Amino acid sequence: MVKVTFAGVEVDRCASCRGIFFDQLEKERLLKMQGAGAIDIGNAKTGRTLDDVGYINCPRCGSRMLRMLDPGQAHICFEHCAACGGSFFDAGEFKDLKHHTIVDFFKDLLIKKRGVEQGSGGSAAG
């Protein structure tokens, strides 16, 4: 992991896959900042292929992370650590989360049609 700072908020980015790990509340702070999507330099296509990875351990504390769906954009699947409150977004996911568009509305409709439940109470990956 390498440290990346935007407007005084420091996050960790994987040097290999370019995913981003946010400590508790860092994601929420950056979502409010204009231009913060620039920290997500990873390829979204590569990030989508990593959605199929099973359980991952938290890079901060080593606990097993839970797979979650963003309540506002159900097509965004990320990992959350219940122990330390951190979240891991694959490459391209934070930028997608930051820029909610009409295309996201249709992606979410497709997710609902496939029977995936939407909500912040994620289910364990497997």
C-alpha atoms as a PDB file:
ATOM      1  CA  MET A   1       0.000   0.000   0.000  1.00  0.00           C
ATOM      2  CA  VAL A   2       1.132   3.532  -0.764  1.00  0.00           C
ATOM      3  CA  LYS A   3      -0.109   6.658   0.999  1.00  0.00           C
ATOM      4  CA  VAL A   4      -2.111   9.099  -1.129  1.00  0.00           C
ATOM      5  CA  THR A   5      -3.219  12.484   0.189  1.00  0.00           C
ATOM      6  CA  PHE A   6      -5.989  14.715  -1.103  1.00  0.00           C
ATOM      7  CA  ALA A   7      -6.802  17.982   0.700  1.00  0.00           C
ATOM      8  CA  GLY A   8      -5.302  16.701   3.929  1.00  0.00           C
ATOM      9  CA  VAL A   9      -7.071  13.311   3.855  1.00  0.00           C
ATOM     10  CA  GLU A  10      -4.621  10.408   3.623  1.00  0.00           C
ATOM     11  CA  VAL A  11      -5.787   7.072   2.192  1.00  0.00           C
ATOM     12  CA  ASP A  12      -3.967   3.877   1.232  1.00  0.00           C
ATOM     13  CA  ARG A  13      -3.837   2.686  -2.377  1.00  0.00           C
ATOM     14  CA  CYS A  14      -2.680  -0.781  -3.395  1.00  0.00           C
ATOM     15  CA  ALA A  15       0.395  -0.496  -5.610  1.00  0.00           C
ATOM     16  CA  SER A  16      -0.650  -3.651  -7.462  1.00  0.00           C
ATOM     17  CA  CYS A  17      -4.418  -3.529  -8.117  1.00  0.00           C
ATOM     18  CA  ARG A  18      -4.856   0.248  -7.460  1.00  0.00           C
ATOM     19  CA  GLY A  19      -7.754  -0.384  -5.065  1.00  0.00           C
ATOM     20  CA  ILE A  20      -8.216   2.141  -2.252  1.00  0.00           C
ATOM     21  CA  PHE A  21      -8.490   1.488   1.476  1.00  0.00           C
ATOM     22  CA  PHE A  22     -10.289   4.144   3.496  1.00  0.00           C
ATOM     23  CA  ASP A  23      -9.991   4.338   7.269  1.00  0.00           C
ATOM     24  CA  GLN A  24     -13.229   5.057   9.090  1.00  0.00           C
ATOM     25  CA  LEU A  25     -14.917   8.247   7.773  1.00  0.00           C
ATOM     26  CA  GLU A  26     -12.225   9.062   5.171  1.00  0.00           C
ATOM     27  CA  LYS A  27     -14.503   7.982   2.319  1.00  0.00           C
ATOM     28  CA  GLU A  28     -17.329  10.179   3.595  1.00  0.00           C
ATOM     29  CA  ARG A  29     -14.997  13.188   3.894  1.00  0.00           C
ATOM     30  CA  LEU A  30     -13.651  12.718   0.365  1.00  0.00           C
ATOM     31  CA  LEU A  31     -17.105  12.208  -1.150  1.00  0.00           C
ATOM     32  CA  LYS A  32     -17.913  15.787  -0.097  1.00  0.00           C
ATOM     33  CA  MET A  33     -14.770  17.237  -1.735  1.00  0.00           C
ATOM     34  CA  GLN A  34     -14.721  18.421  -5.310  1.00  0.00           C
ATOM     35  CA  GLY A  35     -12.022  16.688  -7.355  1.00  0.00           C
ATOM     36  CA  ALA A  36     -11.394  13.884  -4.849  1.00  0.00           C
ATOM     37  CA  GLY A  37     -12.169  11.260  -7.496  1.00  0.00           C
ATOM     38  CA  ALA A  38      -8.645  11.942  -8.778  1.00  0.00           C
ATOM     39  CA  ILE A  39      -7.218   9.632  -6.099  1.00  0.00           C
ATOM     40  CA  ASP A  40      -8.834   6.677  -7.897  1.00  0.00           C
ATOM     41  CA  ILE A  41      -6.384   6.138 -10.751  1.00  0.00           C
ATOM     42  CA  GLY A  42      -7.113   2.438 -11.245  1.00  0.00           C
ATOM     43  CA  ASN A  43      -8.759   0.869 -14.262  1.00  0.00           C
ATOM     44  CA  ALA A  44     -12.485   0.313 -13.568  1.00  0.00           C
ATOM     45  CA  LYS A  45     -12.548  -2.721 -15.874  1.00  0.00           C
ATOM     46  CA  THR A  46      -9.800  -4.368 -13.842  1.00  0.00           C
ATOM     47  CA  GLY A  47     -11.638  -3.423 -10.653  1.00  0.00           C
ATOM     48  CA  ARG A  48     -14.821  -5.159 -11.852  1.00  0.00           C
ATOM     49  CA  THR A  49     -12.929  -8.416 -12.378  1.00  0.00           C
ATOM     50  CA  LEU A  50     -11.851  -8.271  -8.730  1.00  0.00           C
ATOM     51  CA  ASP A  51     -15.467  -8.199  -7.520  1.00  0.00           C
ATOM     52  CA  ASP A  52     -15.434 -11.991  -7.827  1.00  0.00           C
ATOM     53  CA  VAL A  53     -12.575 -12.389  -5.341  1.00  0.00           C
ATOM     54  CA  GLY A  54     -13.753 -14.227  -2.235  1.00  0.00           C
ATOM     55  CA  TYR A  55     -12.996 -13.158   1.295  1.00  0.00           C
ATOM     56  CA  ILE A  56     -10.233 -10.637   1.845  1.00  0.00           C
ATOM     57  CA  ASN A  57      -8.523  -9.609   5.040  1.00  0.00           C
ATOM     58  CA  CYS A  58      -8.420  -6.010   6.167  1.00  0.00           C
ATOM     59  CA  PRO A  59      -5.127  -4.360   5.245  1.00  0.00           C
ATOM     60  CA  ARG A  60      -5.328  -2.295   8.466  1.00  0.00           C
ATOM     61  CA  CYS A  61      -6.116  -4.887  11.168  1.00  0.00           C
ATOM     62  CA  GLY A  62      -6.150  -8.275   9.425  1.00  0.00           C
ATOM     63  CA  SER A  63      -9.805  -9.084  10.210  1.00  0.00           C
ATOM     64  CA  ARG A  64     -11.961 -10.733   7.567  1.00  0.00           C
ATOM     65  CA  MET A  65     -13.861  -8.063   5.620  1.00  0.00           C
ATOM     66  CA  LEU A  66     -17.540  -8.216   4.697  1.00  0.00           C
ATOM     67  CA  ARG A  67     -18.794  -7.662   1.164  1.00  0.00           C
ATOM     68  CA  MET A  68     -21.233  -4.738   1.029  1.00  0.00           C
ATOM     69  CA  LEU A  69     -23.403  -2.999  -1.546  1.00  0.00           C
ATOM     70  CA  ASP A  70     -23.566   0.767  -1.507  1.00  0.00           C
ATOM     71  CA  PRO A  71     -27.127   1.765  -0.529  1.00  0.00           C
ATOM     72  CA  GLY A  72     -27.210   4.625  -3.041  1.00  0.00           C
ATOM     73  CA  GLN A  73     -25.599   2.742  -5.942  1.00  0.00           C
ATOM     74  CA  ALA A  74     -26.266  -0.979  -5.601  1.00  0.00           C
ATOM     75  CA  HIS A  75     -23.936  -1.887  -8.480  1.00  0.00           C
ATOM     76  CA  ILE A  76     -20.950  -0.835  -6.340  1.00  0.00           C
ATOM     77  CA  CYS A  77     -19.720  -3.745  -4.260  1.00  0.00           C
ATOM     78  CA  PHE A  78     -16.986  -3.007  -1.719  1.00  0.00           C
ATOM     79  CA  GLU A  79     -15.462  -4.635   1.346  1.00  0.00           C
ATOM     80  CA  HIS A  80     -15.959  -3.301   4.861  1.00  0.00           C
ATOM     81  CA  CYS A  81     -14.137  -4.179   8.084  1.00  0.00           C
ATOM     82  CA  ALA A  82     -16.475  -4.423  11.077  1.00  0.00           C
ATOM     83  CA  ALA A  83     -13.484  -4.436  13.447  1.00  0.00           C
ATOM     84  CA  CYS A  84     -11.762  -1.163  12.477  1.00  0.00           C
ATOM     85  CA  GLY A  85     -14.425   0.508  10.297  1.00  0.00           C
ATOM     86  CA  GLY A  86     -12.272   0.649   7.178  1.00  0.00           C
ATOM     87  CA  SER A  87     -13.515   0.066   3.626  1.00  0.00           C
ATOM     88  CA  PHE A  88     -11.769  -1.222   0.508  1.00  0.00           C
ATOM     89  CA  PHE A  89     -12.914  -0.148  -2.961  1.00  0.00           C
ATOM     90  CA  ASP A  90     -11.547  -1.873  -6.055  1.00  0.00           C
ATOM     91  CA  ALA A  91     -10.040   0.240  -8.816  1.00  0.00           C
ATOM     92  CA  GLY A  92     -12.605   2.605 -10.316  1.00  0.00           C
ATOM     93  CA  GLU A  93     -15.265   2.090  -7.637  1.00  0.00           C
ATOM     94  CA  PHE A  94     -14.618   5.254  -5.637  1.00  0.00           C
ATOM     95  CA  LYS A  95     -14.654   7.385  -8.791  1.00  0.00           C
ATOM     96  CA  ASP A  96     -17.939   5.709  -9.777  1.00  0.00           C
ATOM     97  CA  LEU A  97     -19.379   6.281  -6.297  1.00  0.00           C
ATOM     98  CA  LYS A  98     -18.365   9.941  -6.409  1.00  0.00           C
ATOM     99  CA  HIS A  99     -19.982  10.594  -9.794  1.00  0.00           C
ATOM    100  CA  HIS A 100     -23.578   9.372  -9.625  1.00  0.00           C
ATOM    101  CA  THR A 101     -25.131   9.519 -13.109  1.00  0.00           C
ATOM    102  CA  ILE A 102     -28.290   8.397 -14.905  1.00  0.00           C
ATOM    103  CA  VAL A 103     -26.338   5.358 -16.140  1.00  0.00           C
ATOM    104  CA  ASP A 104     -25.950   4.314 -12.492  1.00  0.00           C
ATOM    105  CA  PHE A 105     -29.738   4.357 -12.150  1.00  0.00           C
ATOM    106  CA  PHE A 106     -30.039   1.767 -14.942  1.00  0.00           C
ATOM    107  CA  LYS A 107     -27.181  -0.342 -13.553  1.00  0.00           C
ATOM    108  CA  ASP A 108     -29.008  -0.460 -10.238  1.00  0.00           C
ATOM    109  CA  LEU A 109     -32.226  -1.551 -11.958  1.00  0.00           C
ATOM    110  CA  LEU A 110     -30.373  -4.468 -13.529  1.00  0.00           C
ATOM    111  CA  ILE A 111     -28.964  -5.455 -10.123  1.00  0.00           C
ATOM    112  CA  LYS A 112     -32.472  -5.483  -8.619  1.00  0.00           C
ATOM    113  CA  LYS A 113     -33.797  -7.604 -11.496  1.00  0.00           C
ATOM    114  CA  ARG A 114     -31.088 -10.202 -10.814  1.00  0.00           C
ATOM    115  CA  GLY A 115     -32.314 -10.490  -7.233  1.00  0.00           C
ATOM    116  CA  VAL A 116     -29.396  -8.876  -5.468  1.00  0.00           C
ATOM    117  CA  GLU A 117     -30.611  -7.066  -2.412  1.00  0.00           C
ATOM    118  CA  GLN A 118     -29.675  -3.442  -2.013  1.00  0.00           C
ATOM    119  CA  GLY A 119     -28.569  -1.947   1.262  1.00  0.00           C
ATOM    120  CA  SER A 120     -25.685  -1.098   3.487  1.00  0.00           C
ATOM    121  CA  GLY A 121     -26.049  -4.287   5.514  1.00  0.00           C
ATOM    122  CA  GLY A 122     -23.827  -6.388   3.314  1.00  0.00           C
ATOM    123  CA  SER A 123     -23.543 -10.095   3.112  1.00  0.00           C
ATOM    124  CA  ALA A 124     -20.396 -12.122   3.520  1.00  0.00           C
ATOM    125  CA  ALA A 125     -18.643 -12.903   0.268  1.00  0.00           C
ATOM    126  CA  GLY A 126     -18.165 -16.454  -0.654  1.00  0.00           C
END
